[in-house]
Amino acid sequence: MINSGYKQDEQKALKLLGYLNVMHPYPEDDVKGKISFDGVGSAHCRLSVSNCH
């Protein structure tokens, strides 16, 4: 199972931030080091933001 993280831009379009596949996080290149995923993709996922600038 996969859990995905998205953000909404000014035009209301969704942008993929990354996803958690089972227990392996795959953040998009432009947000690596700024966000992290934690959890088990088949049950739950937590998205943490470490740098909002």
C-alpha atoms as a PDB file:
ATOM      1  CA  MET A   1       0.000   0.000   0.000  1.00  0.00           C
ATOM      2  CA  ILE A   2       1.078   3.559  -0.668  1.00  0.00           C
ATOM      3  CA  ASN A   3       0.273   6.799   1.180  1.00  0.00           C
ATOM      4  CA  SER A   4       0.925  10.063  -0.680  1.00  0.00           C
ATOM      5  CA  GLY A   5       1.442  13.660   0.428  1.00  0.00           C
ATOM      6  CA  TYR A   6       0.243  16.653  -1.602  1.00  0.00           C
ATOM      7  CA  LYS A   7       0.142  20.425  -1.327  1.00  0.00           C
ATOM      8  CA  GLN A   8      -2.187  22.826  -3.100  1.00  0.00           C
ATOM      9  CA  ASP A   9      -0.687  25.737  -5.048  1.00  0.00           C
ATOM     10  CA  GLU A  10      -2.143  29.223  -5.620  1.00  0.00           C
ATOM     11  CA  GLN A  11      -4.143  28.010  -8.648  1.00  0.00           C
ATOM     12  CA  LYS A  12      -5.676  25.197  -6.529  1.00  0.00           C
ATOM     13  CA  ALA A  13      -3.665  22.510  -8.365  1.00  0.00           C
ATOM     14  CA  LEU A  14      -2.291  19.611  -6.321  1.00  0.00           C
ATOM     15  CA  LYS A  15       1.470  18.987  -6.291  1.00  0.00           C
ATOM     16  CA  LEU A  16       2.902  15.642  -5.210  1.00  0.00           C
ATOM     17  CA  LEU A  17       5.330  16.005  -2.284  1.00  0.00           C
ATOM     18  CA  GLY A  18       6.193  12.323  -2.121  1.00  0.00           C
ATOM     19  CA  TYR A  19       4.878   9.002  -0.924  1.00  0.00           C
ATOM     20  CA  LEU A  20       5.445   6.217   1.583  1.00  0.00           C
ATOM     21  CA  ASN A  21       5.545   2.724   0.061  1.00  0.00           C
ATOM     22  CA  VAL A  22       5.104   0.236   2.911  1.00  0.00           C
ATOM     23  CA  MET A  23       7.901   1.653   5.136  1.00  0.00           C
ATOM     24  CA  HIS A  24      10.097   3.287   2.468  1.00  0.00           C
ATOM     25  CA  PRO A  25       9.719   7.078   1.979  1.00  0.00           C
ATOM     26  CA  TYR A  26      10.131   8.619  -1.484  1.00  0.00           C
ATOM     27  CA  PRO A  27      10.020  12.442  -1.237  1.00  0.00           C
ATOM     28  CA  GLU A  28      10.124  14.447  -4.459  1.00  0.00           C
ATOM     29  CA  ASP A  29      13.541  15.988  -5.257  1.00  0.00           C
ATOM     30  CA  ASP A  30      12.465  19.598  -4.597  1.00  0.00           C
ATOM     31  CA  VAL A  31      11.367  18.818  -1.009  1.00  0.00           C
ATOM     32  CA  LYS A  32      14.092  16.395   0.105  1.00  0.00           C
ATOM     33  CA  GLY A  33      15.475  17.521   3.443  1.00  0.00           C
ATOM     34  CA  LYS A  34      12.407  19.711   4.064  1.00  0.00           C
ATOM     35  CA  ILE A  35       9.794  17.012   4.723  1.00  0.00           C
ATOM     36  CA  SER A  36       9.803  13.453   5.977  1.00  0.00           C
ATOM     37  CA  PHE A  37       7.333  10.581   5.944  1.00  0.00           C
ATOM     38  CA  ASP A  38       6.934   8.104   8.804  1.00  0.00           C
ATOM     39  CA  GLY A  39       4.608   5.156   9.331  1.00  0.00           C
ATOM     40  CA  VAL A  40       3.426   2.023   7.578  1.00  0.00           C
ATOM     41  CA  GLY A  41       1.968   2.735   4.132  1.00  0.00           C
ATOM     42  CA  SER A  42      -0.769   0.113   4.485  1.00  0.00           C
ATOM     43  CA  ALA A  43      -2.064   1.555   7.768  1.00  0.00           C
ATOM     44  CA  HIS A  44      -1.012   5.141   8.491  1.00  0.00           C
ATOM     45  CA  CYS A  45       1.427   7.838   7.491  1.00  0.00           C
ATOM     46  CA  ARG A  46       2.737  10.999   9.126  1.00  0.00           C
ATOM     47  CA  LEU A  47       4.120  13.897   7.074  1.00  0.00           C
ATOM     48  CA  SER A  48       6.498  16.200   8.953  1.00  0.00           C
ATOM     49  CA  VAL A  49       7.623  19.572   7.622  1.00  0.00           C
ATOM     50  CA  SER A  50      10.989  20.773   8.912  1.00  0.00           C
ATOM     51  CA  ASN A  51      11.527  23.923   6.832  1.00  0.00           C
ATOM     52  CA  CYS A  52       8.631  26.132   5.731  1.00  0.00           C
ATOM     53  CA  HIS A  53      10.734  28.879   4.111  1.00  0.00           C
END
